[in-house]
């Protein structure tokens, strides 16, 4: 079992117990099968971005509450290739840091968007901040997306359905998720 899988399994069990939610109830709230949830709480889980955001929405916690351990140091150093990695249909995320600032939790991700597919999100708690480093990114509500180029930034409510699409080749961006605790 990978470190991320072990952390997810422990965090998922803890969050469920703290909320007194059964696997069946979490399955109903998240739309994820009970057998899949059981695998995620054990050694066999390998979640996608879609799964993690569904759990985040169902438990009303940031994704980092599912996939990261509590900070033990005031210094955060993440080398290239390190950090929790999660992937979806078109997006690869690498969690760089989670900041707890009172009633606000901020997650910082390196985000790579692959061309040829669209990453859809049904929405989740918080705000999304996106800064494009390279490439052209179409992001936001599917009915009215923003087209961002290198150097552009946008912020929007993550609670609405939204999507990510690389327009002309791969996109490298920074994604910051801001979640009120």
N, C-alpha and C. Protein backbone atom coordinates (compact mmCIF):
# COMPACT_ATOMS: atom_id res chain seq x y z
N UNK A 1 0.85 -1.17 0.00
CA UNK A 1 0.00 0.00 0.00
C UNK A 1 0.90 1.23 0.00
N UNK A 2 0.60 2.20 -0.88
CA UNK A 2 1.39 3.43 -0.94
C UNK A 2 1.10 4.28 0.28
N UNK A 3 1.98 5.24 0.53
CA UNK A 3 1.80 6.14 1.66
C UNK A 3 0.49 6.90 1.53
N UNK A 4 0.18 7.40 0.32
CA UNK A 4 -1.06 8.15 0.11
C UNK A 4 -2.27 7.27 0.41
N UNK A 5 -2.24 6.01 -0.02
CA UNK A 5 -3.36 5.10 0.23
C UNK A 5 -3.54 4.84 1.72
N UNK A 6 -2.43 4.67 2.43
CA UNK A 6 -2.50 4.44 3.87
C UNK A 6 -3.05 5.66 4.60
N UNK A 7 -2.60 6.84 4.21
CA UNK A 7 -3.08 8.08 4.83
C UNK A 7 -4.56 8.26 4.53
N UNK A 8 -4.98 8.04 3.27
CA UNK A 8 -6.38 8.16 2.90
C UNK A 8 -7.23 7.19 3.71
N UNK A 9 -6.81 5.94 3.81
CA UNK A 9 -7.57 4.93 4.55
C UNK A 9 -7.78 5.37 6.00
N UNK A 10 -6.70 5.81 6.65
CA UNK A 10 -6.80 6.24 8.06
C UNK A 10 -7.67 7.49 8.19
N UNK A 11 -7.46 8.48 7.32
CA UNK A 11 -8.24 9.73 7.40
C UNK A 11 -9.72 9.49 7.12
N UNK A 12 -10.02 8.65 6.15
CA UNK A 12 -11.41 8.36 5.80
C UNK A 12 -12.13 7.68 6.97
N UNK A 13 -11.48 6.71 7.59
CA UNK A 13 -12.08 6.04 8.76
C UNK A 13 -12.30 7.05 9.90
N UNK A 14 -11.31 7.91 10.15
CA UNK A 14 -11.40 8.90 11.23
C UNK A 14 -12.52 9.90 10.96
N UNK A 15 -12.58 10.42 9.73
CA UNK A 15 -13.62 11.40 9.39
C UNK A 15 -15.02 10.80 9.46
N UNK A 16 -15.15 9.57 8.99
CA UNK A 16 -16.45 8.90 9.06
C UNK A 16 -16.88 8.70 10.51
N UNK A 17 -15.95 8.23 11.33
CA UNK A 17 -16.26 7.98 12.75
C UNK A 17 -16.62 9.29 13.46
N UNK A 18 -15.88 10.36 13.19
CA UNK A 18 -16.14 11.65 13.84
C UNK A 18 -17.53 12.19 13.49
N UNK A 19 -18.02 11.82 12.31
CA UNK A 19 -19.34 12.29 11.86
C UNK A 19 -20.42 11.24 12.08
N UNK A 20 -20.02 10.08 12.62
CA UNK A 20 -20.94 8.96 12.87
C UNK A 20 -21.71 8.59 11.59
N UNK A 21 -20.94 8.43 10.49
CA UNK A 21 -21.51 8.10 9.18
C UNK A 21 -21.11 6.67 8.81
N UNK A 22 -22.07 5.85 8.45
CA UNK A 22 -21.79 4.48 8.02
C UNK A 22 -21.25 4.50 6.59
N UNK A 23 -20.67 3.37 6.17
CA UNK A 23 -20.23 3.25 4.77
C UNK A 23 -21.42 3.43 3.83
N UNK A 24 -22.57 2.87 4.21
CA UNK A 24 -23.76 2.99 3.36
C UNK A 24 -24.18 4.45 3.19
N UNK A 25 -24.16 5.20 4.30
CA UNK A 25 -24.55 6.61 4.23
C UNK A 25 -23.54 7.42 3.43
N UNK A 26 -22.24 7.15 3.61
CA UNK A 26 -21.23 7.86 2.83
C UNK A 26 -21.37 7.51 1.35
N UNK A 27 -21.72 6.28 1.06
CA UNK A 27 -21.96 5.86 -0.33
C UNK A 27 -23.11 6.66 -0.93
N UNK A 28 -24.18 6.80 -0.18
CA UNK A 28 -25.35 7.56 -0.65
C UNK A 28 -24.98 9.02 -0.89
N UNK A 29 -24.26 9.63 0.05
CA UNK A 29 -23.92 11.05 -0.05
C UNK A 29 -22.92 11.33 -1.17
N UNK A 30 -21.99 10.41 -1.38
CA UNK A 30 -20.90 10.66 -2.34
C UNK A 30 -21.18 10.10 -3.73
N UNK A 31 -22.10 9.15 -3.83
CA UNK A 31 -22.33 8.49 -5.12
C UNK A 31 -21.27 7.46 -5.45
N UNK A 32 -20.48 7.06 -4.46
CA UNK A 32 -19.43 6.07 -4.63
C UNK A 32 -19.91 4.76 -4.03
N UNK A 33 -19.71 3.66 -4.75
CA UNK A 33 -20.16 2.36 -4.28
C UNK A 33 -19.57 1.98 -2.94
N UNK A 34 -20.38 1.26 -2.14
CA UNK A 34 -19.95 0.83 -0.81
C UNK A 34 -18.70 -0.05 -0.89
N UNK A 35 -18.62 -0.92 -1.90
CA UNK A 35 -17.44 -1.79 -2.06
C UNK A 35 -16.19 -0.95 -2.33
N UNK A 36 -16.33 0.09 -3.15
CA UNK A 36 -15.20 0.98 -3.43
C UNK A 36 -14.76 1.70 -2.17
N UNK A 37 -15.72 2.18 -1.39
CA UNK A 37 -15.39 2.87 -0.14
C UNK A 37 -14.67 1.92 0.82
N UNK A 38 -15.13 0.69 0.88
CA UNK A 38 -14.48 -0.30 1.73
C UNK A 38 -13.03 -0.53 1.29
N UNK A 39 -12.80 -0.56 -0.02
CA UNK A 39 -11.43 -0.70 -0.54
C UNK A 39 -10.59 0.51 -0.17
N UNK A 40 -11.18 1.71 -0.24
CA UNK A 40 -10.44 2.93 0.09
C UNK A 40 -10.05 2.97 1.57
N UNK A 41 -10.86 2.36 2.42
CA UNK A 41 -10.54 2.32 3.85
C UNK A 41 -9.59 1.17 4.17
N UNK A 42 -9.28 0.35 3.19
CA UNK A 42 -8.36 -0.77 3.37
C UNK A 42 -7.15 -0.60 2.47
N UNK A 43 -6.46 -1.71 2.22
CA UNK A 43 -5.22 -1.64 1.44
C UNK A 43 -5.41 -1.58 -0.07
N UNK A 44 -6.65 -1.71 -0.57
CA UNK A 44 -6.84 -1.83 -2.01
C UNK A 44 -7.28 -0.59 -2.75
N UNK A 45 -7.36 0.56 -2.08
CA UNK A 45 -7.89 1.75 -2.72
C UNK A 45 -6.88 2.50 -3.56
N UNK A 46 -7.33 2.98 -4.72
CA UNK A 46 -6.50 3.81 -5.59
C UNK A 46 -7.41 4.86 -6.21
N UNK A 47 -7.70 5.93 -5.47
CA UNK A 47 -8.73 6.88 -5.90
C UNK A 47 -8.30 7.81 -7.03
N UNK A 48 -9.28 8.24 -7.80
CA UNK A 48 -9.07 9.26 -8.84
C UNK A 48 -9.41 10.62 -8.24
N UNK A 49 -9.13 11.67 -9.00
CA UNK A 49 -9.53 13.01 -8.58
C UNK A 49 -11.04 13.07 -8.35
N UNK A 50 -11.79 12.47 -9.25
CA UNK A 50 -13.25 12.49 -9.15
C UNK A 50 -13.72 11.88 -7.83
N UNK A 51 -13.13 10.75 -7.45
CA UNK A 51 -13.48 10.08 -6.21
C UNK A 51 -13.15 10.95 -5.01
N UNK A 52 -11.95 11.53 -5.00
CA UNK A 52 -11.54 12.36 -3.87
C UNK A 52 -12.42 13.60 -3.72
N UNK A 53 -12.79 14.23 -4.83
CA UNK A 53 -13.64 15.41 -4.74
C UNK A 53 -15.06 15.03 -4.33
N UNK A 54 -15.55 13.86 -4.72
CA UNK A 54 -16.86 13.39 -4.26
C UNK A 54 -16.86 13.17 -2.75
N UNK A 55 -15.78 12.57 -2.24
CA UNK A 55 -15.66 12.38 -0.80
C UNK A 55 -15.52 13.72 -0.07
N UNK A 56 -14.76 14.63 -0.65
CA UNK A 56 -14.59 15.97 -0.08
C UNK A 56 -15.95 16.65 0.06
N UNK A 57 -16.75 16.57 -0.99
CA UNK A 57 -18.08 17.19 -1.01
C UNK A 57 -18.99 16.50 0.02
N UNK A 58 -18.98 15.18 0.06
CA UNK A 58 -19.86 14.43 0.96
C UNK A 58 -19.51 14.64 2.44
N UNK A 59 -18.23 14.78 2.74
CA UNK A 59 -17.79 14.95 4.12
C UNK A 59 -17.58 16.42 4.50
N UNK A 60 -17.71 17.31 3.51
CA UNK A 60 -17.52 18.76 3.69
C UNK A 60 -16.15 19.07 4.30
N UNK A 61 -15.13 18.50 3.65
CA UNK A 61 -13.74 18.74 4.05
C UNK A 61 -12.92 19.01 2.80
N UNK A 62 -11.80 19.69 2.92
CA UNK A 62 -10.92 19.85 1.76
C UNK A 62 -10.27 18.52 1.41
N UNK A 63 -9.88 18.37 0.16
CA UNK A 63 -9.24 17.14 -0.30
C UNK A 63 -8.01 16.82 0.55
N UNK A 64 -7.27 17.84 0.94
CA UNK A 64 -6.06 17.60 1.73
C UNK A 64 -6.37 16.93 3.06
N UNK A 65 -7.57 17.11 3.59
CA UNK A 65 -7.95 16.43 4.84
C UNK A 65 -8.05 14.92 4.62
N UNK A 66 -8.20 14.51 3.37
CA UNK A 66 -8.27 13.09 3.04
C UNK A 66 -6.89 12.50 2.75
N UNK A 67 -6.02 13.26 2.09
CA UNK A 67 -4.78 12.67 1.55
C UNK A 67 -3.49 13.12 2.21
N UNK A 68 -3.57 13.99 3.22
CA UNK A 68 -2.32 14.45 3.83
C UNK A 68 -2.31 14.21 5.33
N UNK A 69 -1.11 14.02 5.85
CA UNK A 69 -0.93 13.87 7.28
C UNK A 69 -0.83 15.25 7.91
N UNK A 70 -1.07 15.32 9.21
CA UNK A 70 -0.97 16.59 9.93
C UNK A 70 0.45 17.12 9.85
N UNK A 71 0.59 18.44 9.71
CA UNK A 71 1.91 19.08 9.66
C UNK A 71 2.63 18.90 10.98
N UNK A 72 3.90 18.58 10.92
CA UNK A 72 4.69 18.40 12.13
C UNK A 72 5.80 19.44 12.24
N UNK A 73 5.92 20.32 11.24
CA UNK A 73 7.01 21.28 11.23
C UNK A 73 6.52 22.61 10.67
N UNK A 74 7.18 23.67 11.07
CA UNK A 74 6.84 25.00 10.55
C UNK A 74 7.45 25.24 9.18
N UNK A 75 8.27 24.30 8.70
CA UNK A 75 8.91 24.43 7.40
C UNK A 75 8.32 23.40 6.45
N UNK A 76 7.98 23.85 5.26
CA UNK A 76 7.49 22.92 4.24
C UNK A 76 8.41 23.00 3.04
N UNK A 77 9.05 21.90 2.72
CA UNK A 77 9.91 21.82 1.55
C UNK A 77 9.47 20.62 0.74
N UNK A 78 9.05 20.86 -0.48
CA UNK A 78 8.60 19.78 -1.36
C UNK A 78 9.47 19.82 -2.60
N UNK A 79 10.26 18.80 -2.79
CA UNK A 79 11.15 18.71 -3.94
C UNK A 79 10.38 18.24 -5.17
N UNK A 80 10.93 18.52 -6.34
CA UNK A 80 10.32 18.05 -7.58
C UNK A 80 10.10 16.55 -7.48
N UNK A 81 8.93 16.10 -7.87
CA UNK A 81 8.60 14.68 -7.83
C UNK A 81 8.03 14.21 -6.51
N UNK A 82 8.10 15.04 -5.46
CA UNK A 82 7.53 14.68 -4.16
C UNK A 82 6.12 15.25 -4.07
N UNK A 83 5.40 14.85 -3.04
CA UNK A 83 4.05 15.34 -2.81
C UNK A 83 3.03 14.31 -3.26
N UNK A 84 1.87 14.33 -2.63
CA UNK A 84 0.80 13.41 -2.96
C UNK A 84 0.29 13.71 -4.36
N UNK A 85 0.21 12.67 -5.19
CA UNK A 85 -0.23 12.84 -6.57
C UNK A 85 -1.57 12.15 -6.76
N UNK A 86 -2.50 12.86 -7.42
CA UNK A 86 -3.80 12.30 -7.77
C UNK A 86 -4.11 12.69 -9.21
N UNK A 87 -4.76 11.77 -9.91
CA UNK A 87 -5.03 12.01 -11.34
C UNK A 87 -6.49 11.77 -11.65
N UNK A 88 -6.93 12.44 -12.72
CA UNK A 88 -8.29 12.28 -13.22
C UNK A 88 -8.27 12.14 -14.72
N UNK A 89 -9.40 12.37 -15.35
CA UNK A 89 -9.55 12.20 -16.80
C UNK A 89 -8.58 13.07 -17.59
N UNK A 90 -8.33 14.29 -17.13
CA UNK A 90 -7.47 15.20 -17.88
C UNK A 90 -6.48 15.96 -17.00
N UNK A 91 -6.56 15.77 -15.68
CA UNK A 91 -5.76 16.57 -14.76
C UNK A 91 -4.91 15.69 -13.86
N UNK A 92 -3.67 16.12 -13.67
CA UNK A 92 -2.78 15.51 -12.68
C UNK A 92 -2.47 16.58 -11.64
N UNK A 93 -2.76 16.29 -10.38
CA UNK A 93 -2.48 17.22 -9.29
C UNK A 93 -1.37 16.66 -8.41
N UNK A 94 -0.56 17.58 -7.89
CA UNK A 94 0.46 17.23 -6.90
C UNK A 94 0.29 18.19 -5.74
N UNK A 95 -0.15 17.65 -4.59
CA UNK A 95 -0.34 18.48 -3.40
C UNK A 95 1.01 18.95 -2.91
N UNK A 96 1.20 20.26 -2.87
CA UNK A 96 2.45 20.84 -2.41
C UNK A 96 2.40 21.21 -0.94
N UNK A 97 1.25 21.76 -0.51
CA UNK A 97 1.17 22.18 0.88
C UNK A 97 -0.27 22.43 1.28
N UNK A 98 -0.54 22.22 2.55
CA UNK A 98 -1.84 22.54 3.16
C UNK A 98 -1.56 23.54 4.27
N UNK A 99 -2.25 24.68 4.22
CA UNK A 99 -2.09 25.72 5.23
C UNK A 99 -3.38 25.83 6.04
N UNK A 100 -3.27 25.71 7.34
CA UNK A 100 -4.41 25.94 8.22
C UNK A 100 -4.27 27.33 8.79
N UNK A 101 -5.19 28.21 8.40
CA UNK A 101 -5.15 29.61 8.84
C UNK A 101 -6.46 29.94 9.56
N UNK A 102 -6.56 29.50 10.80
CA UNK A 102 -7.79 29.75 11.55
C UNK A 102 -8.94 28.97 10.96
N UNK A 103 -9.95 29.67 10.50
CA UNK A 103 -11.13 29.02 9.92
C UNK A 103 -11.00 28.80 8.42
N UNK A 104 -9.83 29.04 7.88
CA UNK A 104 -9.60 28.86 6.46
C UNK A 104 -8.49 27.83 6.23
N UNK A 105 -8.75 26.92 5.33
CA UNK A 105 -7.74 25.93 4.92
C UNK A 105 -7.40 26.23 3.48
N UNK A 106 -6.11 26.30 3.19
CA UNK A 106 -5.65 26.59 1.83
C UNK A 106 -4.79 25.42 1.36
N UNK A 107 -5.13 24.88 0.20
CA UNK A 107 -4.36 23.79 -0.39
C UNK A 107 -3.66 24.32 -1.64
N UNK A 108 -2.38 24.04 -1.77
CA UNK A 108 -1.60 24.50 -2.92
C UNK A 108 -1.21 23.27 -3.73
N UNK A 109 -1.57 23.28 -5.01
CA UNK A 109 -1.30 22.17 -5.92
C UNK A 109 -0.53 22.63 -7.15
N UNK A 110 0.37 21.79 -7.63
CA UNK A 110 0.86 21.91 -9.00
C UNK A 110 -0.18 21.16 -9.82
N UNK A 111 -0.64 21.78 -10.90
CA UNK A 111 -1.69 21.18 -11.73
C UNK A 111 -1.21 21.09 -13.17
N UNK A 112 -1.30 19.90 -13.71
CA UNK A 112 -0.98 19.67 -15.12
C UNK A 112 -2.25 19.19 -15.81
N UNK A 113 -2.62 19.87 -16.89
CA UNK A 113 -3.82 19.51 -17.63
C UNK A 113 -3.37 18.94 -18.96
N UNK A 114 -3.79 17.70 -19.22
CA UNK A 114 -3.41 17.00 -20.43
C UNK A 114 -4.37 17.35 -21.57
N UNK A 115 -3.84 17.50 -22.79
CA UNK A 115 -4.72 17.79 -23.93
C UNK A 115 -5.51 16.55 -24.33
N UNK A 116 -6.60 16.78 -25.04
CA UNK A 116 -7.38 15.68 -25.61
C UNK A 116 -8.48 15.15 -24.72
N UNK A 117 -8.66 15.70 -23.53
CA UNK A 117 -9.73 15.26 -22.62
C UNK A 117 -10.17 16.46 -21.79
N UNK A 118 -11.34 16.34 -21.19
CA UNK A 118 -11.87 17.39 -20.34
C UNK A 118 -12.08 16.83 -18.94
N UNK A 119 -11.65 17.57 -17.93
CA UNK A 119 -11.86 17.18 -16.54
C UNK A 119 -13.10 17.90 -16.04
N UNK A 120 -14.12 17.15 -15.66
CA UNK A 120 -15.37 17.73 -15.15
C UNK A 120 -15.42 17.59 -13.63
N UNK A 121 -15.97 18.60 -12.97
CA UNK A 121 -16.21 18.56 -11.53
C UNK A 121 -17.66 18.97 -11.29
N UNK A 122 -18.34 18.21 -10.46
CA UNK A 122 -19.72 18.55 -10.10
C UNK A 122 -19.77 19.69 -9.09
N UNK A 123 -18.61 20.08 -8.61
CA UNK A 123 -18.53 21.14 -7.61
C UNK A 123 -18.14 20.57 -6.26
N UNK A 124 -17.57 21.41 -5.43
CA UNK A 124 -17.11 21.02 -4.10
C UNK A 124 -16.98 22.31 -3.29
N UNK A 125 -16.83 22.20 -1.98
CA UNK A 125 -16.76 23.41 -1.15
C UNK A 125 -15.56 24.29 -1.49
N UNK A 126 -15.72 25.59 -1.30
CA UNK A 126 -14.59 26.51 -1.37
C UNK A 126 -14.49 27.34 -2.62
N UNK A 127 -13.32 27.96 -2.76
CA UNK A 127 -12.97 28.78 -3.92
C UNK A 127 -11.79 28.14 -4.63
N UNK A 128 -11.74 28.26 -5.94
CA UNK A 128 -10.59 27.82 -6.73
C UNK A 128 -9.88 29.05 -7.25
N UNK A 129 -8.56 29.08 -7.07
CA UNK A 129 -7.69 30.11 -7.61
C UNK A 129 -6.76 29.41 -8.59
N UNK A 130 -6.71 29.86 -9.83
CA UNK A 130 -5.86 29.24 -10.83
C UNK A 130 -4.96 30.28 -11.47
N UNK A 131 -3.65 29.98 -11.49
CA UNK A 131 -2.67 30.82 -12.16
C UNK A 131 -1.98 29.94 -13.20
N UNK A 132 -2.07 30.31 -14.46
CA UNK A 132 -1.48 29.52 -15.54
C UNK A 132 0.00 29.91 -15.70
N UNK A 133 0.85 28.89 -15.70
CA UNK A 133 2.29 29.08 -15.88
C UNK A 133 2.65 28.92 -17.35
N UNK A 134 2.09 27.90 -18.00
CA UNK A 134 2.34 27.70 -19.44
C UNK A 134 1.15 27.01 -20.08
N UNK A 135 0.96 27.29 -21.36
CA UNK A 135 -0.15 26.70 -22.11
C UNK A 135 -1.38 27.58 -22.10
N UNK A 136 -2.47 27.04 -22.68
CA UNK A 136 -3.75 27.74 -22.73
C UNK A 136 -4.79 26.84 -22.07
N UNK A 137 -5.46 27.37 -21.06
CA UNK A 137 -6.40 26.59 -20.26
C UNK A 137 -7.80 27.17 -20.39
N UNK A 138 -8.75 26.28 -20.68
CA UNK A 138 -10.17 26.65 -20.65
C UNK A 138 -10.71 26.09 -19.33
N UNK A 139 -11.23 26.98 -18.47
CA UNK A 139 -11.64 26.57 -17.13
C UNK A 139 -12.85 27.36 -16.68
N UNK A 140 -13.66 26.75 -15.82
CA UNK A 140 -14.81 27.43 -15.25
C UNK A 140 -16.10 26.71 -15.59
N UNK A 141 -17.22 27.40 -15.43
CA UNK A 141 -18.51 26.79 -15.74
C UNK A 141 -18.55 26.35 -17.21
N UNK A 142 -19.00 25.13 -17.50
CA UNK A 142 -19.00 24.67 -18.89
C UNK A 142 -19.77 25.58 -19.86
N UNK A 143 -20.79 26.27 -19.34
CA UNK A 143 -21.59 27.15 -20.21
C UNK A 143 -20.90 28.48 -20.50
N UNK A 144 -19.94 28.87 -19.67
CA UNK A 144 -19.28 30.17 -19.83
C UNK A 144 -17.85 30.12 -19.28
N UNK A 145 -16.97 29.31 -19.90
CA UNK A 145 -15.62 29.15 -19.35
C UNK A 145 -14.72 30.35 -19.66
N UNK A 146 -13.63 30.41 -18.92
CA UNK A 146 -12.61 31.43 -19.13
C UNK A 146 -11.48 30.77 -19.92
N UNK A 147 -10.83 31.52 -20.81
CA UNK A 147 -9.65 31.02 -21.51
C UNK A 147 -8.45 31.79 -20.96
N UNK A 148 -7.57 31.05 -20.29
CA UNK A 148 -6.41 31.64 -19.63
C UNK A 148 -5.13 31.26 -20.34
N UNK A 149 -4.23 32.22 -20.45
CA UNK A 149 -2.90 32.00 -21.03
C UNK A 149 -1.85 32.19 -19.94
N UNK A 150 -0.60 31.88 -20.25
CA UNK A 150 0.48 32.02 -19.28
C UNK A 150 0.43 33.41 -18.64
N UNK A 151 0.47 33.44 -17.32
CA UNK A 151 0.42 34.70 -16.57
C UNK A 151 -0.98 35.08 -16.12
N UNK A 152 -2.03 34.49 -16.70
CA UNK A 152 -3.41 34.82 -16.32
C UNK A 152 -3.80 34.11 -15.03
N UNK A 153 -4.78 34.71 -14.35
CA UNK A 153 -5.29 34.21 -13.07
C UNK A 153 -6.80 34.35 -13.06
N UNK A 154 -7.50 33.39 -12.42
CA UNK A 154 -8.93 33.50 -12.20
C UNK A 154 -9.26 32.86 -10.86
N UNK A 155 -10.32 33.37 -10.23
CA UNK A 155 -10.84 32.81 -8.99
C UNK A 155 -12.35 32.67 -9.16
N UNK A 156 -12.91 31.52 -8.75
CA UNK A 156 -14.35 31.33 -8.83
C UNK A 156 -14.80 30.37 -7.73
N UNK A 157 -16.10 30.38 -7.46
CA UNK A 157 -16.67 29.47 -6.47
C UNK A 157 -16.56 28.05 -7.00
N UNK A 158 -15.95 27.16 -6.21
CA UNK A 158 -15.78 25.77 -6.61
C UNK A 158 -17.08 24.98 -6.44
N UNK A 159 -18.09 25.58 -5.82
CA UNK A 159 -19.34 24.87 -5.56
C UNK A 159 -20.17 24.65 -6.81
N UNK A 160 -19.89 25.39 -7.86
CA UNK A 160 -20.65 25.22 -9.11
C UNK A 160 -19.96 24.17 -9.99
N UNK A 161 -20.71 23.49 -10.84
CA UNK A 161 -20.05 22.58 -11.78
C UNK A 161 -19.05 23.35 -12.64
N UNK A 162 -17.88 22.74 -12.86
CA UNK A 162 -16.85 23.40 -13.66
C UNK A 162 -15.99 22.35 -14.34
N UNK A 163 -15.19 22.82 -15.31
CA UNK A 163 -14.34 21.89 -16.05
C UNK A 163 -13.00 22.53 -16.37
N UNK A 164 -12.05 21.65 -16.71
CA UNK A 164 -10.70 22.04 -17.11
C UNK A 164 -10.41 21.40 -18.45
N UNK A 165 -9.82 22.19 -19.37
CA UNK A 165 -9.46 21.65 -20.67
C UNK A 165 -8.22 22.38 -21.20
N UNK A 166 -7.21 21.60 -21.60
CA UNK A 166 -6.03 22.16 -22.26
C UNK A 166 -6.41 22.45 -23.70
N UNK A 167 -6.19 23.67 -24.16
CA UNK A 167 -6.64 24.08 -25.49
C UNK A 167 -5.64 23.71 -26.58
N UNK A 168 -4.39 24.09 -26.43
CA UNK A 168 -3.38 23.85 -27.48
C UNK A 168 -2.16 23.16 -26.90
N UNK A 169 -2.30 21.96 -26.40
CA UNK A 169 -1.18 21.26 -25.79
C UNK A 169 -1.29 21.29 -24.27
N UNK A 170 -0.30 20.72 -23.59
CA UNK A 170 -0.38 20.62 -22.13
C UNK A 170 -0.34 21.97 -21.44
N UNK A 171 -0.93 22.00 -20.23
CA UNK A 171 -0.98 23.22 -19.43
C UNK A 171 -0.35 22.93 -18.07
N UNK A 172 0.48 23.85 -17.62
CA UNK A 172 1.03 23.82 -16.27
C UNK A 172 0.45 25.01 -15.54
N UNK A 173 -0.12 24.77 -14.36
CA UNK A 173 -0.71 25.86 -13.59
C UNK A 173 -0.57 25.57 -12.10
N UNK A 174 -0.83 26.59 -11.32
CA UNK A 174 -0.92 26.45 -9.88
C UNK A 174 -2.40 26.55 -9.52
N UNK A 175 -2.86 25.58 -8.74
CA UNK A 175 -4.25 25.57 -8.26
C UNK A 175 -4.20 25.75 -6.76
N UNK A 176 -4.94 26.74 -6.28
CA UNK A 176 -5.07 26.96 -4.85
C UNK A 176 -6.55 26.79 -4.51
N UNK A 177 -6.83 25.85 -3.60
CA UNK A 177 -8.19 25.65 -3.12
C UNK A 177 -8.31 26.28 -1.75
N UNK A 178 -9.27 27.16 -1.60
CA UNK A 178 -9.52 27.87 -0.34
C UNK A 178 -10.82 27.34 0.23
N UNK A 179 -10.76 26.80 1.44
CA UNK A 179 -11.90 26.14 2.06
C UNK A 179 -12.12 26.70 3.44
N UNK A 180 -13.34 27.11 3.76
CA UNK A 180 -13.66 27.59 5.10
C UNK A 180 -13.95 26.40 5.99
N UNK A 181 -13.29 26.37 7.14
CA UNK A 181 -13.46 25.25 8.08
C UNK A 181 -14.75 25.39 8.85
